Amino acid sequence: MIINKVRAPIALFAVLFTLWLLLSGTLAIDVLAIGLLVSFAIAFLLRDSSVLYAEPHPTPIAFLAVVLYFFYFLKELVKSNIMVAGIVLTPSMPINPGIVKVRTRLKSRSGRLLLANSITLTPGTLTVELRDEWLYIHWITVESTDIDVVTARIVAGFERYLEVIYG
């Protein structure tokens, strides 16, 4: 746990400074100095609440999983947008909305949070509640209420990559 307390602010600093570099669009010394100073100050002030940034495993396979996760998410995003557009354009509105319960195998708080947000960002699903290993999801076209079937349909694809990233 001590390693996480030390690693968390360093990881937060790295994330903040990387974002600063990407958003500033310049490598001028004064801009870099301000970015370093602001990133360090924020990381120092939030050192006790930044443990979430230390949870990913910084391994080459985890980096590959991040890239694959990104492409998987984009694929799911496009598929769900097309599905929802088809529902909206169909005069009969073939929906069967409801809240389903799914289980995640993820142990990491960050992994669970990213899973819940990924589900919410794909049209047609909305994570309503995240409690321990259970997620309650509003699904625009409920196909089943069986926890294993719904988990396989909504969660399993995302989870496959998140387990590698977060362990």
C-alpha atoms as a PDB file:
ATOM      1  CA  MET A   1       0.000   0.000   0.000  1.00  0.00           C
ATOM      2  CA  ILE A   2       2.934   2.331   0.665  1.00  0.00           C
ATOM      3  CA  ILE A   3       4.117   1.806  -2.907  1.00  0.00           C
ATOM      4  CA  ASN A   4       0.701   2.919  -4.170  1.00  0.00           C
ATOM      5  CA  LYS A   5       0.849   6.008  -1.919  1.00  0.00           C
ATOM      6  CA  VAL A   6       4.167   6.941  -3.530  1.00  0.00           C
ATOM      7  CA  ARG A   7       3.318   5.800  -7.053  1.00  0.00           C
ATOM      8  CA  ALA A   8      -0.127   7.432  -7.167  1.00  0.00           C
ATOM      9  CA  PRO A   9       1.021  11.097  -7.084  1.00  0.00           C
ATOM     10  CA  ILE A  10       3.779  10.313  -9.583  1.00  0.00           C
ATOM     11  CA  ALA A  11       1.267   8.714 -11.938  1.00  0.00           C
ATOM     12  CA  LEU A  12      -1.132  11.647 -11.481  1.00  0.00           C
ATOM     13  CA  PHE A  13       1.695  14.083 -12.212  1.00  0.00           C
ATOM     14  CA  ALA A  14       2.600  12.153 -15.368  1.00  0.00           C
ATOM     15  CA  VAL A  15      -1.011  12.159 -16.581  1.00  0.00           C
ATOM     16  CA  LEU A  16      -1.471  15.868 -15.869  1.00  0.00           C
ATOM     17  CA  PHE A  17       1.801  16.906 -17.456  1.00  0.00           C
ATOM     18  CA  THR A  18       1.119  14.748 -20.527  1.00  0.00           C
ATOM     19  CA  LEU A  19      -2.273  16.408 -20.914  1.00  0.00           C
ATOM     20  CA  TRP A  20      -0.611  19.795 -20.492  1.00  0.00           C
ATOM     21  CA  LEU A  21       1.838  19.005 -23.275  1.00  0.00           C
ATOM     22  CA  LEU A  22      -0.907  17.774 -25.580  1.00  0.00           C
ATOM     23  CA  LEU A  23      -3.194  20.728 -24.956  1.00  0.00           C
ATOM     24  CA  SER A  24      -0.572  23.474 -24.993  1.00  0.00           C
ATOM     25  CA  GLY A  25       0.844  22.408 -28.360  1.00  0.00           C
ATOM     26  CA  THR A  26       4.243  23.959 -27.737  1.00  0.00           C
ATOM     27  CA  LEU A  27       7.550  23.019 -26.162  1.00  0.00           C
ATOM     28  CA  ALA A  28       8.494  26.570 -25.160  1.00  0.00           C
ATOM     29  CA  ILE A  29      10.475  26.652 -21.920  1.00  0.00           C
ATOM     30  CA  ASP A  30       8.060  28.984 -20.121  1.00  0.00           C
ATOM     31  CA  VAL A  31       5.042  26.830 -21.050  1.00  0.00           C
ATOM     32  CA  LEU A  32       6.871  23.659 -19.959  1.00  0.00           C
ATOM     33  CA  ALA A  33       7.869  25.282 -16.658  1.00  0.00           C
ATOM     34  CA  ILE A  34       4.302  26.364 -15.909  1.00  0.00           C
ATOM     35  CA  GLY A  35       3.038  22.897 -16.847  1.00  0.00           C
ATOM     36  CA  LEU A  36       5.564  21.233 -14.566  1.00  0.00           C
ATOM     37  CA  LEU A  37       4.737  23.572 -11.705  1.00  0.00           C
ATOM     38  CA  VAL A  38       0.943  23.262 -12.045  1.00  0.00           C
ATOM     39  CA  SER A  39       1.057  19.481 -12.552  1.00  0.00           C
ATOM     40  CA  PHE A  40       3.302  19.062  -9.522  1.00  0.00           C
ATOM     41  CA  ALA A  41       1.111  21.312  -7.363  1.00  0.00           C
ATOM     42  CA  ILE A  42      -2.078  19.440  -8.295  1.00  0.00           C
ATOM     43  CA  ALA A  43      -0.429  16.039  -7.803  1.00  0.00           C
ATOM     44  CA  PHE A  44       0.889  17.173  -4.406  1.00  0.00           C
ATOM     45  CA  LEU A  45      -2.466  18.586  -3.268  1.00  0.00           C
ATOM     46  CA  LEU A  46      -4.364  15.496  -4.412  1.00  0.00           C
ATOM     47  CA  ARG A  47      -1.761  12.949  -3.296  1.00  0.00           C
ATOM     48  CA  ASP A  48      -4.150  11.191  -0.912  1.00  0.00           C
ATOM     49  CA  SER A  49      -6.980  10.902  -3.424  1.00  0.00           C
ATOM     50  CA  SER A  50      -4.940   9.926  -6.482  1.00  0.00           C
ATOM     51  CA  VAL A  51      -4.583   6.201  -5.751  1.00  0.00           C
ATOM     52  CA  LEU A  52      -6.839   5.438  -8.729  1.00  0.00           C
ATOM     53  CA  TYR A  53      -4.052   6.552 -11.082  1.00  0.00           C
ATOM     54  CA  ALA A  54      -1.669   3.959  -9.652  1.00  0.00           C
ATOM     55  CA  GLU A  55      -3.893   0.930 -10.227  1.00  0.00           C
ATOM     56  CA  PRO A  56      -3.088   0.157 -13.890  1.00  0.00           C
ATOM     57  CA  HIS A  57      -0.213  -2.279 -14.391  1.00  0.00           C
ATOM     58  CA  PRO A  58       2.509  -0.528 -16.432  1.00  0.00           C
ATOM     59  CA  THR A  59       3.598  -3.527 -18.481  1.00  0.00           C
ATOM     60  CA  PRO A  60       4.042  -3.873 -22.245  1.00  0.00           C
ATOM     61  CA  ILE A  61       1.109  -6.294 -22.419  1.00  0.00           C
ATOM     62  CA  ALA A  62      -1.061  -3.804 -20.499  1.00  0.00           C
ATOM     63  CA  PHE A  63      -0.071  -1.065 -22.950  1.00  0.00           C
ATOM     64  CA  LEU A  64      -1.098  -3.331 -25.817  1.00  0.00           C
ATOM     65  CA  ALA A  65      -4.371  -4.041 -23.998  1.00  0.00           C
ATOM     66  CA  VAL A  66      -5.006  -0.270 -23.743  1.00  0.00           C
ATOM     67  CA  VAL A  67      -4.588   0.099 -27.505  1.00  0.00           C
ATOM     68  CA  LEU A  68      -6.807  -2.922 -28.193  1.00  0.00           C
ATOM     69  CA  TYR A  69      -9.371  -1.654 -25.681  1.00  0.00           C
ATOM     70  CA  PHE A  70      -9.504   1.679 -27.494  1.00  0.00           C
ATOM     71  CA  PHE A  71     -10.251  -0.027 -30.816  1.00  0.00           C
ATOM     72  CA  TYR A  72     -12.760  -2.395 -29.206  1.00  0.00           C
ATOM     73  CA  PHE A  73     -14.531   0.552 -27.602  1.00  0.00           C
ATOM     74  CA  LEU A  74     -14.664   2.400 -30.948  1.00  0.00           C
ATOM     75  CA  LYS A  75     -16.128  -0.697 -32.629  1.00  0.00           C
ATOM     76  CA  GLU A  76     -18.787  -1.039 -29.920  1.00  0.00           C
ATOM     77  CA  LEU A  77     -19.512   2.678 -30.117  1.00  0.00           C
ATOM     78  CA  VAL A  78     -20.136   2.529 -33.871  1.00  0.00           C
ATOM     79  CA  LYS A  79     -22.235  -0.651 -33.579  1.00  0.00           C
ATOM     80  CA  SER A  80     -24.411   0.763 -30.826  1.00  0.00           C
ATOM     81  CA  ASN A  81     -24.869   4.089 -32.633  1.00  0.00           C
ATOM     82  CA  ILE A  82     -26.061   2.244 -35.739  1.00  0.00           C
ATOM     83  CA  MET A  83     -28.394   0.085 -33.625  1.00  0.00           C
ATOM     84  CA  VAL A  84     -29.923   3.064 -31.817  1.00  0.00           C
ATOM     85  CA  ALA A  85     -30.256   5.012 -35.068  1.00  0.00           C
ATOM     86  CA  GLY A  86     -32.077   2.030 -36.570  1.00  0.00           C
ATOM     87  CA  ILE A  87     -34.444   1.931 -33.599  1.00  0.00           C
ATOM     88  CA  VAL A  88     -35.143   5.665 -33.824  1.00  0.00           C
ATOM     89  CA  LEU A  89     -35.771   5.512 -37.584  1.00  0.00           C
ATOM     90  CA  THR A  90     -38.119   2.523 -37.312  1.00  0.00           C
ATOM     91  CA  PRO A  91     -41.719   3.789 -36.961  1.00  0.00           C
ATOM     92  CA  SER A  92     -42.697   1.019 -34.516  1.00  0.00           C
ATOM     93  CA  MET A  93     -39.772   1.892 -32.154  1.00  0.00           C
ATOM     94  CA  PRO A  94     -38.789  -1.730 -31.353  1.00  0.00           C
ATOM     95  CA  ILE A  95     -37.504  -1.194 -27.832  1.00  0.00           C
ATOM     96  CA  ASN A  96     -37.781  -3.236 -24.671  1.00  0.00           C
ATOM     97  CA  PRO A  97     -36.220  -0.997 -22.003  1.00  0.00           C
ATOM     98  CA  GLY A  98     -35.319  -2.250 -18.579  1.00  0.00           C
ATOM     99  CA  ILE A  99     -32.654  -2.432 -15.911  1.00  0.00           C
ATOM    100  CA  VAL A 100     -30.468  -5.523 -15.903  1.00  0.00           C
ATOM    101  CA  LYS A 101     -27.998  -6.748 -13.311  1.00  0.00           C
ATOM    102  CA  VAL A 102     -24.530  -7.834 -14.426  1.00  0.00           C
ATOM    103  CA  ARG A 103     -21.457  -9.043 -12.583  1.00  0.00           C
ATOM    104  CA  THR A 104     -17.877  -7.999 -13.189  1.00  0.00           C
ATOM    105  CA  ARG A 105     -14.761  -9.981 -12.328  1.00  0.00           C
ATOM    106  CA  LEU A 106     -12.719  -6.782 -12.011  1.00  0.00           C
ATOM    107  CA  LYS A 107     -11.291  -6.157  -8.538  1.00  0.00           C
ATOM    108  CA  SER A 108      -9.766  -2.738  -9.189  1.00  0.00           C
ATOM    109  CA  ARG A 109     -11.851   0.364  -8.443  1.00  0.00           C
ATOM    110  CA  SER A 110     -10.421   2.068 -11.518  1.00  0.00           C
ATOM    111  CA  GLY A 111     -11.183  -0.907 -13.718  1.00  0.00           C
ATOM    112  CA  ARG A 112     -14.778  -1.035 -12.492  1.00  0.00           C
ATOM    113  CA  LEU A 113     -15.149   2.700 -12.979  1.00  0.00           C
ATOM    114  CA  LEU A 114     -13.788   2.533 -16.523  1.00  0.00           C
ATOM    115  CA  LEU A 115     -16.083  -0.412 -17.271  1.00  0.00           C
ATOM    116  CA  ALA A 116     -19.139   1.483 -15.994  1.00  0.00           C
ATOM    117  CA  ASN A 117     -18.204   4.588 -17.980  1.00  0.00           C
ATOM    118  CA  SER A 118     -17.533   2.605 -21.150  1.00  0.00           C
ATOM    119  CA  ILE A 119     -20.949   0.972 -20.885  1.00  0.00           C
ATOM    120  CA  THR A 120     -22.575   4.359 -20.324  1.00  0.00           C
ATOM    121  CA  LEU A 121     -20.773   5.929 -23.283  1.00  0.00           C
ATOM    122  CA  THR A 122     -22.112   3.346 -25.719  1.00  0.00           C
ATOM    123  CA  PRO A 123     -25.631   4.365 -26.816  1.00  0.00           C
ATOM    124  CA  GLY A 124     -28.419   2.074 -25.688  1.00  0.00           C
ATOM    125  CA  THR A 125     -26.894   1.338 -22.278  1.00  0.00           C
ATOM    126  CA  LEU A 126     -26.524   3.423 -19.153  1.00  0.00           C
ATOM    127  CA  THR A 127     -24.863   2.320 -15.930  1.00  0.00           C
ATOM    128  CA  VAL A 128     -27.289   3.264 -13.174  1.00  0.00           C
ATOM    129  CA  GLU A 129     -25.412   1.877 -10.186  1.00  0.00           C
ATOM    130  CA  LEU A 130     -22.082   0.233  -9.420  1.00  0.00           C
ATOM    131  CA  ARG A 131     -21.985  -1.691  -6.162  1.00  0.00           C
ATOM    132  CA  ASP A 132     -19.069  -4.032  -5.483  1.00  0.00           C
ATOM    133  CA  GLU A 133     -18.990  -6.545  -8.354  1.00  0.00           C
ATOM    134  CA  TRP A 134     -22.553  -5.714  -9.454  1.00  0.00           C
ATOM    135  CA  LEU A 135     -23.551  -3.191 -12.082  1.00  0.00           C
ATOM    136  CA  TYR A 136     -27.136  -2.192 -12.744  1.00  0.00           C
ATOM    137  CA  ILE A 137     -27.546  -1.120 -16.342  1.00  0.00           C
ATOM    138  CA  HIS A 138     -30.474   0.463 -18.126  1.00  0.00           C
ATOM    139  CA  TRP A 139     -30.637  -1.308 -21.485  1.00  0.00           C
ATOM    140  CA  ILE A 140     -32.794   0.017 -24.290  1.00  0.00           C
ATOM    141  CA  THR A 141     -33.378  -3.443 -25.787  1.00  0.00           C
ATOM    142  CA  VAL A 142     -33.376  -6.002 -22.988  1.00  0.00           C
ATOM    143  CA  GLU A 143     -32.695  -9.347 -24.644  1.00  0.00           C
ATOM    144  CA  SER A 144     -32.516 -11.412 -21.457  1.00  0.00           C
ATOM    145  CA  THR A 145     -32.651 -11.013 -17.702  1.00  0.00           C
ATOM    146  CA  ASP A 146     -30.312 -13.939 -16.998  1.00  0.00           C
ATOM    147  CA  ILE A 147     -27.255 -12.462 -15.273  1.00  0.00           C
ATOM    148  CA  ASP A 148     -24.748 -14.687 -17.120  1.00  0.00           C
ATOM    149  CA  VAL A 149     -26.259 -13.986 -20.551  1.00  0.00           C
ATOM    150  CA  VAL A 150     -26.471 -10.242 -19.964  1.00  0.00           C
ATOM    151  CA  THR A 151     -22.956 -10.125 -18.507  1.00  0.00           C
ATOM    152  CA  ALA A 152     -21.591 -11.920 -21.572  1.00  0.00           C
ATOM    153  CA  ARG A 153     -23.497  -9.583 -23.899  1.00  0.00           C
ATOM    154  CA  ILE A 154     -22.678  -6.223 -22.274  1.00  0.00           C
ATOM    155  CA  VAL A 155     -19.624  -6.625 -20.026  1.00  0.00           C
ATOM    156  CA  ALA A 156     -17.399  -9.472 -21.240  1.00  0.00           C
ATOM    157  CA  GLY A 157     -15.847  -7.690 -24.229  1.00  0.00           C
ATOM    158  CA  PHE A 158     -14.754  -4.672 -22.215  1.00  0.00           C
ATOM    159  CA  GLU A 159     -13.681  -6.805 -19.275  1.00  0.00           C
ATOM    160  CA  ARG A 160     -11.321  -8.916 -21.379  1.00  0.00           C
ATOM    161  CA  TYR A 161      -9.010  -5.912 -21.865  1.00  0.00           C
ATOM    162  CA  LEU A 162      -9.587  -4.245 -18.504  1.00  0.00           C
ATOM    163  CA  GLU A 163      -8.470  -7.386 -16.663  1.00  0.00           C
ATOM    164  CA  VAL A 164      -5.091  -7.148 -18.386  1.00  0.00           C
ATOM    165  CA  ILE A 165      -4.772  -3.409 -17.724  1.00  0.00           C
ATOM    166  CA  TYR A 166      -5.891  -3.488 -14.082  1.00  0.00           C
ATOM    167  CA  GLY A 167      -5.237  -7.072 -13.087  1.00  0.00           C
END
